[in-house]
């Protein structure tokens, strides 16, 4: 458990960001899912998202977030918030299309 705490401390020096990242309600929710197809998911494995995206040439837009969103773990909270907004807008567009 000490290793987890040390990892969280170093990844999230800001206590507010660390509390957000440690909160289980932010883990297994739609905005935190990788949304990768089978072969992509297998190639990513446990590789951090930013590292895997760089290696495979993926941009932030590939992950349903604005292009300027930082994919590093330290930016977990802004990533989740941006992705939550992007997914919500996409779903609204699908579920409530404007009248033609």
PDB file of N, CA and C in Angstrom:
ATOM      1  N   UNK A   1       0.821  -1.192   0.000  1.00  0.00           N
ATOM      2  CA  UNK A   1       0.000   0.000   0.000  1.00  0.00           C
ATOM      3  C   UNK A   1       0.866   1.257   0.000  1.00  0.00           C
ATOM      4  N   UNK A   2       2.035   1.162   0.607  1.00  0.00           N
ATOM      5  CA  UNK A   2       2.914   2.320   0.649  1.00  0.00           C
ATOM      6  C   UNK A   2       3.329   2.731  -0.754  1.00  0.00           C
ATOM      7  N   UNK A   3       3.586   1.766  -1.634  1.00  0.00           N
ATOM      8  CA  UNK A   3       3.977   2.075  -3.010  1.00  0.00           C
ATOM      9  C   UNK A   3       2.870   2.849  -3.717  1.00  0.00           C
ATOM     10  N   UNK A   4       1.606   2.438  -3.522  1.00  0.00           N
ATOM     11  CA  UNK A   4       0.476   3.142  -4.124  1.00  0.00           C
ATOM     12  C   UNK A   4       0.430   4.580  -3.612  1.00  0.00           C
ATOM     13  N   UNK A   5       0.568   4.762  -2.329  1.00  0.00           N
ATOM     14  CA  UNK A   5       0.529   6.100  -1.737  1.00  0.00           C
ATOM     15  C   UNK A   5       1.676   6.965  -2.251  1.00  0.00           C
ATOM     16  N   UNK A   6       2.872   6.381  -2.359  1.00  0.00           N
ATOM     17  CA  UNK A   6       4.016   7.124  -2.890  1.00  0.00           C
ATOM     18  C   UNK A   6       3.793   7.504  -4.350  1.00  0.00           C
ATOM     19  N   UNK A   7       3.242   6.576  -5.117  1.00  0.00           N
ATOM     20  CA  UNK A   7       2.958   6.845  -6.529  1.00  0.00           C
ATOM     21  C   UNK A   7       1.942   7.974  -6.651  1.00  0.00           C
ATOM     22  N   UNK A   8       0.886   7.910  -5.866  1.00  0.00           N
ATOM     23  CA  UNK A   8      -0.145   8.954  -5.912  1.00  0.00           C
ATOM     24  C   UNK A   8       0.432  10.299  -5.482  1.00  0.00           C
ATOM     25  N   UNK A   9       1.263  10.286  -4.461  1.00  0.00           N
ATOM     26  CA  UNK A   9       1.874  11.525  -3.960  1.00  0.00           C
ATOM     27  C   UNK A   9       2.745  12.166  -5.044  1.00  0.00           C
ATOM     28  N   UNK A  10       3.531  11.352  -5.733  1.00  0.00           N
ATOM     29  CA  UNK A  10       4.421  11.916  -6.749  1.00  0.00           C
ATOM     30  C   UNK A  10       3.653  12.307  -8.016  1.00  0.00           C
ATOM     31  N   UNK A  11       2.623  11.540  -8.381  1.00  0.00           N
ATOM     32  CA  UNK A  11       1.850  11.858  -9.587  1.00  0.00           C
ATOM     33  C   UNK A  11       0.943  13.062  -9.366  1.00  0.00           C
ATOM     34  N   UNK A  12       0.458  13.226  -8.144  1.00  0.00           N
ATOM     35  CA  UNK A  12      -0.491  14.297  -7.835  1.00  0.00           C
ATOM     36  C   UNK A  12      -0.034  15.066  -6.595  1.00  0.00           C
ATOM     37  N   UNK A  13       0.941  15.963  -6.737  1.00  0.00           N
ATOM     38  CA  UNK A  13       1.412  16.700  -5.563  1.00  0.00           C
ATOM     39  C   UNK A  13       0.342  17.617  -4.971  1.00  0.00           C
ATOM     40  N   UNK A  14      -0.604  18.058  -5.806  1.00  0.00           N
ATOM     41  CA  UNK A  14      -1.700  18.902  -5.330  1.00  0.00           C
ATOM     42  C   UNK A  14      -2.723  18.005  -4.621  1.00  0.00           C
ATOM     43  N   UNK A  15      -3.002  18.256  -3.341  1.00  0.00           N
ATOM     44  CA  UNK A  15      -3.932  17.393  -2.584  1.00  0.00           C
ATOM     45  C   UNK A  15      -5.332  17.307  -3.207  1.00  0.00           C
ATOM     46  N   UNK A  16      -5.825  18.381  -3.795  1.00  0.00           N
ATOM     47  CA  UNK A  16      -7.154  18.351  -4.421  1.00  0.00           C
ATOM     48  C   UNK A  16      -7.165  17.406  -5.629  1.00  0.00           C
ATOM     49  N   UNK A  17      -6.122  17.481  -6.452  1.00  0.00           N
ATOM     50  CA  UNK A  17      -6.024  16.591  -7.612  1.00  0.00           C
ATOM     51  C   UNK A  17      -5.858  15.135  -7.175  1.00  0.00           C
ATOM     52  N   UNK A  18      -5.077  14.929  -6.116  1.00  0.00           N
ATOM     53  CA  UNK A  18      -4.865  13.570  -5.605  1.00  0.00           C
ATOM     54  C   UNK A  18      -6.181  12.999  -5.071  1.00  0.00           C
ATOM     55  N   UNK A  19      -6.945  13.799  -4.343  1.00  0.00           N
ATOM     56  CA  UNK A  19      -8.230  13.330  -3.813  1.00  0.00           C
ATOM     57  C   UNK A  19      -9.173  12.958  -4.950  1.00  0.00           C
ATOM     58  N   UNK A  20      -9.173  13.747  -6.019  1.00  0.00           N
ATOM     59  CA  UNK A  20     -10.016  13.441  -7.182  1.00  0.00           C
ATOM     60  C   UNK A  20      -9.585  12.116  -7.798  1.00  0.00           C
ATOM     61  N   UNK A  21      -8.290  11.917  -7.970  1.00  0.00           N
ATOM     62  CA  UNK A  21      -7.776  10.695  -8.582  1.00  0.00           C
ATOM     63  C   UNK A  21      -8.002   9.470  -7.698  1.00  0.00           C
ATOM     64  N   UNK A  22      -7.979   9.650  -6.392  1.00  0.00           N
ATOM     65  CA  UNK A  22      -8.176   8.530  -5.472  1.00  0.00           C
ATOM     66  C   UNK A  22      -9.645   8.168  -5.295  1.00  0.00           C
ATOM     67  N   UNK A  23     -10.536   9.046  -5.663  1.00  0.00           N
ATOM     68  CA  UNK A  23     -11.972   8.811  -5.494  1.00  0.00           C
ATOM     69  C   UNK A  23     -12.439   7.761  -6.493  1.00  0.00           C
ATOM     70  N   UNK A  24     -12.877   6.632  -6.003  1.00  0.00           N
ATOM     71  CA  UNK A  24     -13.272   5.505  -6.854  1.00  0.00           C
ATOM     72  C   UNK A  24     -14.361   5.865  -7.858  1.00  0.00           C
ATOM     73  N   UNK A  25     -15.175   6.852  -7.568  1.00  0.00           N
ATOM     74  CA  UNK A  25     -16.242   7.212  -8.512  1.00  0.00           C
ATOM     75  C   UNK A  25     -15.670   7.807  -9.804  1.00  0.00           C
ATOM     76  N   UNK A  26     -14.400   8.145  -9.810  1.00  0.00           N
ATOM     77  CA  UNK A  26     -13.760   8.669 -11.023  1.00  0.00           C
ATOM     78  C   UNK A  26     -12.975   7.604 -11.782  1.00  0.00           C
ATOM     79  N   UNK A  27     -12.952   6.385 -11.278  1.00  0.00           N
ATOM     80  CA  UNK A  27     -12.180   5.318 -11.916  1.00  0.00           C
ATOM     81  C   UNK A  27     -12.956   4.612 -13.001  1.00  0.00           C
ATOM     82  N   UNK A  28     -13.961   3.862 -12.628  1.00  0.00           N
ATOM     83  CA  UNK A  28     -14.688   3.011 -13.566  1.00  0.00           C
ATOM     84  C   UNK A  28     -15.965   3.671 -14.072  1.00  0.00           C
ATOM     85  N   UNK A  29     -15.804   4.822 -14.622  1.00  0.00           N
ATOM     86  CA  UNK A  29     -16.922   5.547 -15.201  1.00  0.00           C
ATOM     87  C   UNK A  29     -16.625   5.755 -16.683  1.00  0.00           C
ATOM     88  N   UNK A  30     -17.645   6.082 -17.439  1.00  0.00           N
ATOM     89  CA  UNK A  30     -17.471   6.247 -18.874  1.00  0.00           C
ATOM     90  C   UNK A  30     -16.327   7.202 -19.237  1.00  0.00           C
ATOM     91  N   UNK A  31     -16.187   8.366 -18.609  1.00  0.00           N
ATOM     92  CA  UNK A  31     -15.087   9.246 -18.998  1.00  0.00           C
ATOM     93  C   UNK A  31     -13.692   8.671 -18.763  1.00  0.00           C
ATOM     94  N   UNK A  32     -13.570   7.680 -17.875  1.00  0.00           N
ATOM     95  CA  UNK A  32     -12.246   7.111 -17.617  1.00  0.00           C
ATOM     96  C   UNK A  32     -11.987   5.837 -18.408  1.00  0.00           C
ATOM     97  N   UNK A  33     -12.984   5.297 -19.073  1.00  0.00           N
ATOM     98  CA  UNK A  33     -12.752   4.105 -19.886  1.00  0.00           C
ATOM     99  C   UNK A  33     -11.900   4.472 -21.089  1.00  0.00           C
ATOM    100  N   UNK A  34     -11.063   3.566 -21.519  1.00  0.00           N
ATOM    101  CA  UNK A  34     -10.158   3.846 -22.631  1.00  0.00           C
ATOM    102  C   UNK A  34     -10.881   3.987 -23.964  1.00  0.00           C
ATOM    103  N   UNK A  35     -12.024   3.313 -24.123  1.00  0.00           N
ATOM    104  CA  UNK A  35     -12.773   3.341 -25.379  1.00  0.00           C
ATOM    105  C   UNK A  35     -11.896   2.891 -26.548  1.00  0.00           C
ATOM    106  N   UNK A  36     -11.142   1.827 -26.314  1.00  0.00           N
ATOM    107  CA  UNK A  36     -10.271   1.282 -27.344  1.00  0.00           C
ATOM    108  C   UNK A  36     -10.839  -0.044 -27.836  1.00  0.00           C
ATOM    109  N   UNK A  37     -10.683  -0.288 -29.114  1.00  0.00           N
ATOM    110  CA  UNK A  37     -11.101  -1.564 -29.667  1.00  0.00           C
ATOM    111  C   UNK A  37     -10.115  -2.642 -29.223  1.00  0.00           C
ATOM    112  N   UNK A  38     -10.493  -3.907 -29.397  1.00  0.00           N
ATOM    113  CA  UNK A  38      -9.723  -5.047 -28.908  1.00  0.00           C
ATOM    114  C   UNK A  38      -8.233  -4.991 -29.132  1.00  0.00           C
ATOM    115  N   UNK A  39      -7.791  -4.884 -30.380  1.00  0.00           N
ATOM    116  CA  UNK A  39      -6.353  -4.920 -30.658  1.00  0.00           C
ATOM    117  C   UNK A  39      -5.645  -3.695 -30.079  1.00  0.00           C
ATOM    118  N   UNK A  40      -6.310  -2.546 -30.095  1.00  0.00           N
ATOM    119  CA  UNK A  40      -5.706  -1.342 -29.507  1.00  0.00           C
ATOM    120  C   UNK A  40      -5.571  -1.517 -28.003  1.00  0.00           C
ATOM    121  N   UNK A  41      -6.605  -2.042 -27.377  1.00  0.00           N
ATOM    122  CA  UNK A  41      -6.593  -2.238 -25.936  1.00  0.00           C
ATOM    123  C   UNK A  41      -5.477  -3.199 -25.534  1.00  0.00           C
ATOM    124  N   UNK A  42      -5.286  -4.250 -26.313  1.00  0.00           N
ATOM    125  CA  UNK A  42      -4.225  -5.213 -26.030  1.00  0.00           C
ATOM    126  C   UNK A  42      -2.847  -4.572 -26.190  1.00  0.00           C
ATOM    127  N   UNK A  43      -2.674  -3.729 -27.214  1.00  0.00           N
ATOM    128  CA  UNK A  43      -1.367  -3.109 -27.422  1.00  0.00           C
ATOM    129  C   UNK A  43      -1.051  -2.073 -26.348  1.00  0.00           C
ATOM    130  N   UNK A  44      -2.076  -1.447 -25.783  1.00  0.00           N
ATOM    131  CA  UNK A  44      -1.851  -0.451 -24.740  1.00  0.00           C
ATOM    132  C   UNK A  44      -1.446  -1.111 -23.436  1.00  0.00           C
ATOM    133  N   UNK A  45      -2.178  -2.158 -23.037  1.00  0.00           N
ATOM    134  CA  UNK A  45      -1.867  -2.824 -21.777  1.00  0.00           C
ATOM    135  C   UNK A  45      -1.843  -1.850 -20.619  1.00  0.00           C
ATOM    136  N   UNK A  46      -0.790  -1.894 -19.810  1.00  0.00           N
ATOM    137  CA  UNK A  46      -0.652  -1.017 -18.648  1.00  0.00           C
ATOM    138  C   UNK A  46       0.141   0.251 -18.950  1.00  0.00           C
ATOM    139  N   UNK A  47       0.410   0.504 -20.221  1.00  0.00           N
ATOM    140  CA  UNK A  47       1.173   1.687 -20.607  1.00  0.00           C
ATOM    141  C   UNK A  47       0.354   2.944 -20.314  1.00  0.00           C
ATOM    142  N   UNK A  48       0.965   3.956 -19.700  1.00  0.00           N
ATOM    143  CA  UNK A  48       0.236   5.205 -19.471  1.00  0.00           C
ATOM    144  C   UNK A  48      -0.308   5.766 -20.796  1.00  0.00           C
ATOM    145  N   UNK A  49      -1.485   6.362 -20.736  1.00  0.00           N
ATOM    146  CA  UNK A  49      -2.164   6.839 -21.938  1.00  0.00           C
ATOM    147  C   UNK A  49      -1.301   7.798 -22.758  1.00  0.00           C
ATOM    148  N   UNK A  50      -0.665   8.767 -22.119  1.00  0.00           N
ATOM    149  CA  UNK A  50       0.146   9.747 -22.857  1.00  0.00           C
ATOM    150  C   UNK A  50       1.284   9.067 -23.613  1.00  0.00           C
ATOM    151  N   UNK A  51       1.937   8.119 -22.957  1.00  0.00           N
ATOM    152  CA  UNK A  51       3.054   7.401 -23.581  1.00  0.00           C
ATOM    153  C   UNK A  51       2.558   6.551 -24.753  1.00  0.00           C
ATOM    154  N   UNK A  52       1.461   5.824 -24.537  1.00  0.00           N
ATOM    155  CA  UNK A  52       0.907   4.971 -25.582  1.00  0.00           C
ATOM    156  C   UNK A  52       0.419   5.809 -26.764  1.00  0.00           C
ATOM    157  N   UNK A  53      -0.227   6.927 -26.495  1.00  0.00           N
ATOM    158  CA  UNK A  53      -0.725   7.794 -27.565  1.00  0.00           C
ATOM    159  C   UNK A  53       0.432   8.332 -28.399  1.00  0.00           C
ATOM    160  N   UNK A  54       1.502   8.726 -27.743  1.00  0.00           N
ATOM    161  CA  UNK A  54       2.671   9.239 -28.465  1.00  0.00           C
ATOM    162  C   UNK A  54       3.285   8.147 -29.337  1.00  0.00           C
ATOM    163  N   UNK A  55       3.424   6.954 -28.779  1.00  0.00           N
ATOM    164  CA  UNK A  55       4.022   5.830 -29.507  1.00  0.00           C
ATOM    165  C   UNK A  55       3.189   5.434 -30.727  1.00  0.00           C
ATOM    166  N   UNK A  56       1.877   5.531 -30.619  1.00  0.00           N
ATOM    167  CA  UNK A  56       0.999   5.097 -31.710  1.00  0.00           C
ATOM    168  C   UNK A  56       0.532   6.242 -32.599  1.00  0.00           C
ATOM    169  N   UNK A  57       0.947   7.460 -32.283  1.00  0.00           N
ATOM    170  CA  UNK A  57       0.560   8.606 -33.101  1.00  0.00           C
ATOM    171  C   UNK A  57      -0.863   9.073 -32.878  1.00  0.00           C
ATOM    172  N   UNK A  58      -1.465   8.715 -31.744  1.00  0.00           N
ATOM    173  CA  UNK A  58      -2.826   9.137 -31.426  1.00  0.00           C
ATOM    174  C   UNK A  58      -2.798  10.546 -30.841  1.00  0.00           C
ATOM    175  N   UNK A  59      -3.810  11.323 -31.172  1.00  0.00           N
ATOM    176  CA  UNK A  59      -3.923  12.668 -30.606  1.00  0.00           C
ATOM    177  C   UNK A  59      -5.008  12.667 -29.538  1.00  0.00           C
ATOM    178  N   UNK A  60      -5.091  13.735 -28.778  1.00  0.00           N
ATOM    179  CA  UNK A  60      -6.115  13.852 -27.743  1.00  0.00           C
ATOM    180  C   UNK A  60      -7.510  13.694 -28.332  1.00  0.00           C
ATOM    181  N   UNK A  61      -7.718  14.198 -29.525  1.00  0.00           N
ATOM    182  CA  UNK A  61      -9.028  14.114 -30.171  1.00  0.00           C
ATOM    183  C   UNK A  61      -9.457  12.655 -30.336  1.00  0.00           C
ATOM    184  N   UNK A  62      -8.511  11.753 -30.499  1.00  0.00           N
ATOM    185  CA  UNK A  62      -8.815  10.324 -30.614  1.00  0.00           C
ATOM    186  C   UNK A  62      -9.490   9.783 -29.357  1.00  0.00           C
ATOM    187  N   UNK A  63      -9.349  10.487 -28.258  1.00  0.00           N
ATOM    188  CA  UNK A  63      -9.871  10.037 -26.974  1.00  0.00           C
ATOM    189  C   UNK A  63     -11.065  10.870 -26.508  1.00  0.00           C
ATOM    190  N   UNK A  64     -11.733  11.509 -27.446  1.00  0.00           N
ATOM    191  CA  UNK A  64     -12.932  12.302 -27.148  1.00  0.00           C
ATOM    192  C   UNK A  64     -12.654  13.448 -26.187  1.00  0.00           C
ATOM    193  N   UNK A  65     -11.548  14.125 -26.378  1.00  0.00           N
ATOM    194  CA  UNK A  65     -11.244  15.328 -25.615  1.00  0.00           C
ATOM    195  C   UNK A  65     -10.716  16.375 -26.588  1.00  0.00           C
ATOM    196  N   UNK A  66     -10.798  17.658 -26.220  1.00  0.00           N
ATOM    197  CA  UNK A  66     -10.261  18.695 -27.101  1.00  0.00           C
ATOM    198  C   UNK A  66      -8.781  18.480 -27.399  1.00  0.00           C
ATOM    199  N   UNK A  67      -8.354  18.941 -28.544  1.00  0.00           N
ATOM    200  CA  UNK A  67      -6.982  18.721 -29.031  1.00  0.00           C
ATOM    201  C   UNK A  67      -5.915  19.187 -28.042  1.00  0.00           C
ATOM    202  N   UNK A  68      -6.184  20.217 -27.281  1.00  0.00           N
ATOM    203  CA  UNK A  68      -5.164  20.762 -26.372  1.00  0.00           C
ATOM    204  C   UNK A  68      -5.162  20.087 -24.991  1.00  0.00           C
ATOM    205  N   UNK A  69      -5.921  19.007 -24.809  1.00  0.00           N
ATOM    206  CA  UNK A  69      -5.990  18.315 -23.521  1.00  0.00           C
ATOM    207  C   UNK A  69      -4.729  17.494 -23.298  1.00  0.00           C
ATOM    208  N   UNK A  70      -4.103  17.685 -22.155  1.00  0.00           N
ATOM    209  CA  UNK A  70      -2.893  16.951 -21.792  1.00  0.00           C
ATOM    210  C   UNK A  70      -3.284  15.547 -21.341  1.00  0.00           C
ATOM    211  N   UNK A  71      -2.641  14.524 -21.897  1.00  0.00           N
ATOM    212  CA  UNK A  71      -2.972  13.133 -21.606  1.00  0.00           C
ATOM    213  C   UNK A  71      -2.153  12.525 -20.470  1.00  0.00           C
ATOM    214  N   UNK A  72      -1.270  13.309 -19.856  1.00  0.00           N
ATOM    215  CA  UNK A  72      -0.452  12.796 -18.756  1.00  0.00           C
ATOM    216  C   UNK A  72      -1.312  12.505 -17.526  1.00  0.00           C
ATOM    217  N   UNK A  73      -0.908  11.506 -16.758  1.00  0.00           N
ATOM    218  CA  UNK A  73      -1.640  11.121 -15.554  1.00  0.00           C
ATOM    219  C   UNK A  73      -1.820  12.293 -14.596  1.00  0.00           C
ATOM    220  N   UNK A  74      -0.834  13.151 -14.496  1.00  0.00           N
ATOM    221  CA  UNK A  74      -0.921  14.297 -13.588  1.00  0.00           C
ATOM    222  C   UNK A  74      -2.095  15.214 -13.933  1.00  0.00           C
ATOM    223  N   UNK A  75      -2.599  15.103 -15.144  1.00  0.00           N
ATOM    224  CA  UNK A  75      -3.734  15.927 -15.587  1.00  0.00           C
ATOM    225  C   UNK A  75      -5.027  15.119 -15.629  1.00  0.00           C
ATOM    226  N   UNK A  76      -5.136  14.135 -14.745  1.00  0.00           N
ATOM    227  CA  UNK A  76      -6.290  13.245 -14.714  1.00  0.00           C
ATOM    228  C   UNK A  76      -7.594  14.020 -14.556  1.00  0.00           C
ATOM    229  N   UNK A  77      -7.658  14.941 -13.623  1.00  0.00           N
ATOM    230  CA  UNK A  77      -8.899  15.676 -13.365  1.00  0.00           C
ATOM    231  C   UNK A  77      -9.330  16.499 -14.582  1.00  0.00           C
ATOM    232  N   UNK A  78      -8.463  17.339 -15.173  1.00  0.00           N
ATOM    233  CA  UNK A  78      -8.895  18.082 -16.356  1.00  0.00           C
ATOM    234  C   UNK A  78      -9.256  17.166 -17.525  1.00  0.00           C
ATOM    235  N   UNK A  79      -8.548  16.036 -17.660  1.00  0.00           N
ATOM    236  CA  UNK A  79      -8.851  15.078 -18.711  1.00  0.00           C
ATOM    237  C   UNK A  79     -10.253  14.512 -18.528  1.00  0.00           C
ATOM    238  N   UNK A  80     -10.552  14.044 -17.316  1.00  0.00           N
ATOM    239  CA  UNK A  80     -11.866  13.461 -17.038  1.00  0.00           C
ATOM    240  C   UNK A  80     -12.962  14.501 -17.235  1.00  0.00           C
ATOM    241  N   UNK A  81     -12.741  15.715 -16.756  1.00  0.00           N
ATOM    242  CA  UNK A  81     -13.761  16.758 -16.906  1.00  0.00           C
ATOM    243  C   UNK A  81     -13.989  17.103 -18.376  1.00  0.00           C
ATOM    244  N   UNK A  82     -12.918  17.221 -19.152  1.00  0.00           N
ATOM    245  CA  UNK A  82     -13.051  17.529 -20.582  1.00  0.00           C
ATOM    246  C   UNK A  82     -13.738  16.382 -21.319  1.00  0.00           C
ATOM    247  N   UNK A  83     -13.365  15.178 -20.968  1.00  0.00           N
ATOM    248  CA  UNK A  83     -13.954  14.013 -21.634  1.00  0.00           C
ATOM    249  C   UNK A  83     -15.425  13.847 -21.261  1.00  0.00           C
ATOM    250  N   UNK A  84     -15.766  14.097 -20.019  1.00  0.00           N
ATOM    251  CA  UNK A  84     -17.162  14.022 -19.571  1.00  0.00           C
ATOM    252  C   UNK A  84     -18.001  15.015 -20.385  1.00  0.00           C
ATOM    253  N   UNK A  85     -17.501  16.224 -20.543  1.00  0.00           N
ATOM    254  CA  UNK A  85     -18.223  17.241 -21.321  1.00  0.00           C
ATOM    255  C   UNK A  85     -18.355  16.838 -22.784  1.00  0.00           C
ATOM    256  N   UNK A  86     -17.272  16.337 -23.374  1.00  0.00           N
ATOM    257  CA  UNK A  86     -17.285  15.949 -24.789  1.00  0.00           C
ATOM    258  C   UNK A  86     -18.241  14.787 -25.039  1.00  0.00           C
ATOM    259  N   UNK A  87     -18.232  13.806 -24.155  1.00  0.00           N
ATOM    260  CA  UNK A  87     -19.124  12.649 -24.316  1.00  0.00           C
ATOM    261  C   UNK A  87     -20.575  13.081 -24.134  1.00  0.00           C
ATOM    262  N   UNK A  88     -20.829  13.942 -23.149  1.00  0.00           N
ATOM    263  CA  UNK A  88     -22.186  14.443 -22.917  1.00  0.00           C
ATOM    264  C   UNK A  88     -22.707  15.167 -24.146  1.00  0.00           C
ATOM    265  N   UNK A  89     -21.885  16.030 -24.736  1.00  0.00           N
ATOM    266  CA  UNK A  89     -22.306  16.766 -25.930  1.00  0.00           C
ATOM    267  C   UNK A  89     -22.545  15.840 -27.113  1.00  0.00           C
ATOM    268  N   UNK A  90     -21.688  14.836 -27.261  1.00  0.00           N
ATOM    269  CA  UNK A  90     -21.850  13.872 -28.351  1.00  0.00           C
ATOM    270  C   UNK A  90     -23.145  13.078 -28.179  1.00  0.00           C
ATOM    271  N   UNK A  91     -23.417  12.632 -26.963  1.00  0.00           N
ATOM    272  CA  UNK A  91     -24.648  11.890 -26.708  1.00  0.00           C
ATOM    273  C   UNK A  91     -25.883  12.756 -26.929  1.00  0.00           C
ATOM    274  N   UNK A  92     -25.832  14.002 -26.503  1.00  0.00           N
ATOM    275  CA  UNK A  92     -26.960  14.903 -26.738  1.00  0.00           C
ATOM    276  C   UNK A  92     -27.213  15.106 -28.224  1.00  0.00           C
ATOM    277  N   UNK A  93     -26.143  15.217 -28.983  1.00  0.00           N
ATOM    278  CA  UNK A  93     -26.280  15.395 -30.434  1.00  0.00           C
ATOM    279  C   UNK A  93     -26.913  14.160 -31.069  1.00  0.00           C
ATOM    280  N   UNK A  94     -26.580  12.985 -30.550  1.00  0.00           N
ATOM    281  CA  UNK A  94     -27.143  11.743 -31.091  1.00  0.00           C
ATOM    282  C   UNK A  94     -28.592  11.565 -30.652  1.00  0.00           C
ATOM    283  N   UNK A  95     -28.855  11.834 -29.396  1.00  0.00           N
ATOM    284  CA  UNK A  95     -30.177  11.577 -28.840  1.00  0.00           C
ATOM    285  C   UNK A  95     -31.207  12.668 -29.133  1.00  0.00           C
ATOM    286  N   UNK A  96     -30.739  13.870 -29.372  1.00  0.00           N
ATOM    287  CA  UNK A  96     -31.639  14.987 -29.669  1.00  0.00           C
ATOM    288  C   UNK A  96     -31.205  15.707 -30.930  1.00  0.00           C
ATOM    289  N   UNK A  97     -31.254  15.026 -32.048  1.00  0.00           N
ATOM    290  CA  UNK A  97     -30.847  15.696 -33.298  1.00  0.00           C
ATOM    291  C   UNK A  97     -31.810  16.848 -33.605  1.00  0.00           C
ATOM    292  N   UNK A  98     -31.255  17.901 -34.151  1.00  0.00           N
ATOM    293  CA  UNK A  98     -32.084  19.046 -34.515  1.00  0.00           C
ATOM    294  C   UNK A  98     -33.042  18.647 -35.623  1.00  0.00           C
ATOM    295  N   UNK A  99     -34.206  19.262 -35.605  1.00  0.00           N
ATOM    296  CA  UNK A  99     -35.202  18.974 -36.637  1.00  0.00           C
ATOM    297  C   UNK A  99     -34.673  19.403 -38.002  1.00  0.00           C
ATOM    298  N   UNK A 100     -34.903  18.566 -38.995  1.00  0.00           N
ATOM    299  CA  UNK A 100     -34.419  18.862 -40.351  1.00  0.00           C
ATOM    300  C   UNK A 100     -35.378  19.779 -41.053  1.00  0.00           C
TER     301      UNK A 100
END
